[in-house]
Protein backbone atom coordinates (compact mmCIF):
# COMPACT_ATOMS: atom_id res chain seq x y z
CA MET A 1 -27.66 -49.84 23.05
CA PRO A 2 -24.23 -49.09 21.68
CA LYS A 3 -23.46 -45.41 21.13
CA LYS A 4 -22.85 -44.06 17.66
CA SER A 5 -19.31 -43.12 17.04
CA SER A 6 -18.65 -39.40 16.45
CA LYS A 7 -15.67 -40.23 14.22
CA PRO A 8 -16.37 -40.01 10.45
CA LYS A 9 -16.42 -43.36 8.73
CA GLN A 10 -13.06 -44.38 7.23
CA TYR A 11 -13.49 -45.84 3.70
CA GLN A 12 -10.89 -47.84 1.83
CA GLN A 13 -9.24 -46.33 -1.23
CA ALA A 14 -11.28 -48.47 -3.63
CA THR A 15 -14.50 -47.25 -2.07
CA LEU A 16 -13.28 -43.60 -2.15
CA ALA A 17 -12.45 -44.00 -5.85
CA ILE A 18 -15.99 -45.13 -6.69
CA HIS A 19 -18.14 -43.04 -4.25
CA GLY A 20 -15.89 -40.34 -2.87
CA PRO A 21 -16.33 -39.52 0.88
CA GLY A 22 -19.97 -40.49 0.73
CA ARG A 23 -22.65 -41.64 -1.73
CA GLU A 24 -24.04 -38.75 -3.80
CA PRO A 25 -27.35 -38.98 -5.65
CA LYS A 26 -26.81 -39.53 -9.34
CA ALA A 27 -29.16 -39.04 -12.31
CA TYR A 28 -31.50 -41.95 -12.85
CA PHE A 29 -30.17 -43.64 -9.56
CA ALA A 30 -27.05 -44.63 -11.41
CA VAL A 31 -24.21 -46.08 -9.13
CA SER A 32 -21.38 -44.75 -11.28
CA THR A 33 -21.32 -41.06 -12.22
CA PRO A 34 -22.97 -40.54 -15.71
CA ILE A 35 -20.80 -38.79 -18.25
CA VAL A 36 -22.54 -35.45 -18.90
CA GLN A 37 -21.84 -34.32 -22.50
CA THR A 38 -23.37 -30.88 -22.75
CA SER A 39 -22.19 -27.36 -23.00
CA ASN A 40 -25.55 -25.67 -22.09
CA TYR A 41 -27.80 -26.11 -19.08
CA TYR A 42 -31.37 -24.96 -19.23
CA PHE A 43 -33.32 -22.59 -16.92
CA ASP A 44 -37.10 -22.93 -16.60
CA SER A 45 -37.82 -19.34 -17.12
CA THR A 46 -36.23 -15.82 -17.57
CA ALA A 47 -37.00 -15.09 -13.91
CA GLU A 48 -34.84 -18.08 -12.90
CA VAL A 49 -31.99 -16.73 -15.10
CA LEU A 50 -32.23 -13.34 -13.50
CA GLU A 51 -32.39 -14.79 -10.03
CA PHE A 52 -29.27 -16.92 -10.85
CA MET A 53 -27.33 -14.00 -12.18
CA LYS A 54 -28.21 -11.73 -9.23
CA ALA A 55 -27.14 -14.46 -6.78
CA LYS A 56 -23.89 -14.90 -8.71
CA SER A 57 -23.08 -11.22 -8.52
CA ASP A 58 -23.70 -11.31 -4.75
CA GLY A 59 -21.39 -14.24 -4.35
CA ARG A 60 -24.17 -16.71 -3.65
CA VAL A 61 -24.44 -20.17 -5.21
CA ILE A 62 -28.04 -21.32 -5.82
CA ARG A 63 -27.11 -23.83 -8.57
CA GLU A 64 -23.76 -25.04 -9.86
CA HIS A 65 -24.08 -25.32 -13.54
CA GLU A 66 -24.76 -22.66 -16.17
CA TYR A 67 -22.29 -23.34 -19.00
CA GLY A 68 -19.78 -26.18 -19.74
CA ARG A 69 -16.85 -23.74 -19.63
CA TYR A 70 -17.50 -23.10 -15.92
CA GLY A 71 -18.14 -26.54 -14.78
CA ASN A 72 -19.49 -29.95 -15.52
CA PRO A 73 -21.13 -32.47 -13.16
CA THR A 74 -18.78 -35.29 -14.29
CA GLN A 75 -15.79 -33.07 -13.75
CA GLN A 76 -16.89 -32.02 -10.30
CA GLU A 77 -17.59 -35.52 -9.19
CA CYS A 78 -14.04 -36.53 -10.29
CA GLU A 79 -12.75 -33.51 -8.23
CA ARG A 80 -14.67 -34.62 -5.30
CA LYS A 81 -13.32 -38.18 -5.43
CA LEU A 82 -9.72 -36.97 -5.97
CA ALA A 83 -10.03 -34.73 -2.90
CA ALA A 84 -11.27 -37.66 -0.88
CA LEU A 85 -8.43 -39.90 -2.05
CA GLU A 86 -5.85 -37.19 -1.14
CA GLY A 87 -7.49 -36.26 2.12
CA ALA A 88 -7.98 -32.67 0.87
CA GLU A 89 -10.81 -30.26 1.34
CA ARG A 90 -11.19 -29.55 -2.38
CA ALA A 91 -9.62 -30.47 -5.83
CA LEU A 92 -9.68 -28.61 -9.02
CA LEU A 93 -9.24 -30.14 -12.47
CA PHE A 94 -7.90 -28.17 -15.48
CA SER A 95 -7.85 -28.95 -19.15
CA THR A 96 -4.06 -28.18 -19.35
CA GLY A 97 -1.10 -28.02 -17.07
CA MET A 98 -0.52 -24.43 -18.06
CA SER A 99 -4.07 -23.54 -16.98
CA ALA A 100 -3.33 -25.04 -13.54
CA VAL A 101 0.06 -23.23 -13.25
CA VAL A 102 -1.33 -19.83 -14.23
CA MET A 103 -4.45 -20.19 -11.91
CA THR A 104 -2.24 -21.06 -9.06
CA LEU A 105 0.09 -18.15 -9.64
CA LEU A 106 -2.68 -15.64 -10.11
CA ALA A 107 -4.72 -16.84 -7.18
CA CYS A 108 -1.95 -17.22 -4.66
CA MET A 109 0.53 -14.44 -5.42
CA ARG A 110 0.18 -11.52 -3.08
CA ARG A 111 1.47 -7.95 -3.07
CA ASN A 112 5.17 -7.87 -2.11
CA GLY A 113 5.25 -11.74 -2.50
CA HIS A 114 7.81 -13.77 -4.33
CA ILE A 115 7.70 -16.59 -6.86
CA ILE A 116 10.69 -18.80 -7.32
CA PHE A 117 11.22 -20.33 -10.72
CA THR A 118 13.88 -23.08 -11.14
CA LYS A 119 16.00 -22.83 -14.20
CA ASP A 120 14.62 -26.07 -15.74
CA CYS A 121 10.91 -25.18 -14.88
CA TYR A 122 8.12 -25.98 -17.34
CA ARG A 123 8.89 -24.01 -20.49
CA GLN A 124 5.48 -22.33 -20.77
CA THR A 125 5.63 -21.28 -17.12
CA ARG A 126 8.81 -19.40 -17.97
CA ASP A 127 7.18 -17.92 -21.01
CA PHE A 128 4.29 -16.69 -18.91
CA ALA A 129 6.61 -14.96 -16.44
CA TYR A 130 8.84 -13.53 -19.16
CA ASP A 131 5.89 -12.18 -21.14
CA PHE A 132 4.30 -10.76 -17.94
CA VAL A 133 7.51 -8.79 -17.20
CA LYS A 134 7.70 -7.49 -20.76
CA GLN A 135 4.07 -6.51 -20.84
CA ASN A 136 4.11 -4.78 -17.45
CA TRP A 137 7.55 -3.35 -17.21
CA ASP A 138 6.64 0.31 -16.51
CA PRO A 139 3.90 -0.61 -13.85
CA LEU A 140 6.34 -3.06 -12.21
CA MET A 141 9.14 -0.50 -12.09
CA ALA A 142 6.72 2.04 -10.52
CA LYS A 143 5.82 -0.43 -7.66
CA LEU A 144 9.05 -2.49 -7.05
CA PRO A 145 11.84 -1.28 -4.87
CA THR A 146 14.63 0.72 -6.40
CA ASP A 147 17.04 -1.31 -8.57
CA THR A 148 14.87 -4.34 -8.58
CA GLY A 149 14.70 -4.03 -12.38
CA ALA A 150 18.37 -5.05 -12.47
CA ILE A 151 17.59 -8.61 -11.60
CA LEU A 152 14.54 -9.13 -13.81
CA PRO A 153 16.48 -10.61 -16.77
CA TYR A 154 16.91 -13.72 -14.54
CA VAL A 155 13.37 -14.60 -15.55
CA ALA A 156 14.81 -15.43 -18.96
CA ALA A 157 17.75 -17.34 -17.70
CA GLY A 158 16.52 -20.75 -18.73
CA TYR A 159 16.19 -20.11 -22.37
CA CYS A 160 18.35 -22.08 -24.71
CA ASP A 161 17.83 -20.79 -28.31
CA ALA A 162 19.23 -17.91 -30.41
CA GLU A 163 15.79 -16.26 -30.96
CA HIS A 164 15.02 -15.82 -27.22
CA ARG A 165 18.62 -14.73 -26.58
CA GLN A 166 18.24 -11.88 -29.14
CA ASP A 167 14.82 -10.94 -27.69
CA VAL A 168 16.20 -10.91 -24.13
CA GLN A 169 19.04 -8.69 -25.21
CA ASN A 170 16.81 -6.28 -27.20
CA PHE A 171 14.27 -5.96 -24.42
CA PHE A 172 16.42 -5.50 -21.36
CA SER A 173 19.11 -3.37 -22.85
CA GLY A 174 18.43 0.22 -21.81
CA ARG A 175 15.82 -1.04 -19.29
CA SER A 176 17.43 -3.33 -16.65
CA THR A 177 20.76 -1.91 -17.45
CA LYS A 178 19.80 1.45 -16.08
CA TYR A 179 19.91 0.07 -12.58
CA THR A 180 22.89 -0.80 -10.26
CA GLY A 181 24.26 -4.21 -11.23
CA GLY A 182 21.93 -4.34 -14.32
CA PRO A 183 24.63 -4.55 -17.00
CA ARG A 184 26.55 -7.34 -15.21
CA ILE A 185 23.36 -9.34 -14.61
CA LEU A 186 22.20 -9.12 -18.19
CA THR A 187 25.71 -10.15 -19.42
CA GLN A 188 25.47 -13.23 -17.12
CA VAL A 189 22.04 -14.18 -18.34
CA LEU A 190 23.01 -13.88 -22.08
CA GLU A 191 26.33 -15.80 -21.36
CA GLY A 192 24.27 -18.63 -19.74
CA ILE A 193 21.99 -18.81 -22.82
CA ASN A 194 25.02 -18.91 -25.15
CA LEU A 195 26.56 -21.76 -23.13
CA CYS A 196 23.27 -23.71 -23.31
CA ILE A 197 23.10 -23.19 -27.06
CA ALA A 198 26.64 -24.31 -27.45
CA TYR A 199 26.17 -27.42 -25.35
CA LYS A 200 22.96 -28.35 -27.18
CA ASN A 201 24.73 -27.99 -30.54
CA ALA A 202 27.68 -30.11 -29.30
CA GLN A 203 25.48 -32.90 -28.15
CA GLU A 204 22.93 -32.83 -31.03
CA ALA A 205 24.81 -35.27 -33.37
CA SER A 206 25.48 -37.92 -30.62
CA VAL A 207 21.87 -37.72 -29.43
CA ALA A 208 20.54 -38.19 -32.95
CA GLU A 209 22.97 -41.20 -33.49
CA PHE A 210 21.80 -42.79 -30.19
CA LEU A 211 18.13 -42.44 -31.09
CA LYS A 212 18.76 -44.18 -34.45
CA THR A 213 20.04 -47.31 -32.69
CA TYR A 214 18.01 -47.16 -29.51
CA LYS A 215 15.71 -50.13 -28.90
CA PRO A 216 13.27 -50.07 -25.91
CA ALA A 217 13.61 -52.83 -23.46
CA GLN A 218 11.07 -55.58 -23.68
CA SER A 219 8.95 -56.73 -20.69
CA ALA A 220 8.38 -60.52 -19.98
CA SER A 221 5.08 -60.22 -21.90
CA GLY A 222 6.77 -58.81 -24.92
CA GLY A 223 5.62 -55.24 -24.56
CA SER A 224 7.90 -52.18 -24.31
CA LEU A 225 8.84 -51.03 -20.81
């Protein structure tokens, strides 16, 4: 009798997209995952609710669904299949890109850690970082090494409008400028914003003219590429 292989079965991508790493039981024996359209999930009794809440406070999971905001069977099935397709342990879906970014930052950032933002990063990500610095300036200064406050204006270096330029100047003047190198760094950041505004204004007319005459390329079938 042939021996059973100890290696997990390798499914093709098409199979993983339909079933994930293995067939899961579905409601009413459905092959495809039913779309669950509910915000509330029932409990059979008050005692069951109390048991669930106690287990949750203890960090134990005795059932997965209590309210749509915290999870949905259709969403979780999609996460399971995406993880299988990517060869990952788990996947998480979010309703917005900003939710995913903030969750990642808050979950992964550790004490004395660093986050590197590129100058052209997602606008709302920069807003999040900038607002965090403004709202937590005093606690940050109490915990960060001496003179770190001088470099914090860099968090606003990617802005390109007069309103943010004024806000950056108003907030950091008298704060970051108290530290060694602070005045020079704030001046550099404000100058960078000024240059971006000037470049945007210089290109605005030509971009508008281009968009007036621009025609998308047509595919062989007649649709836009």
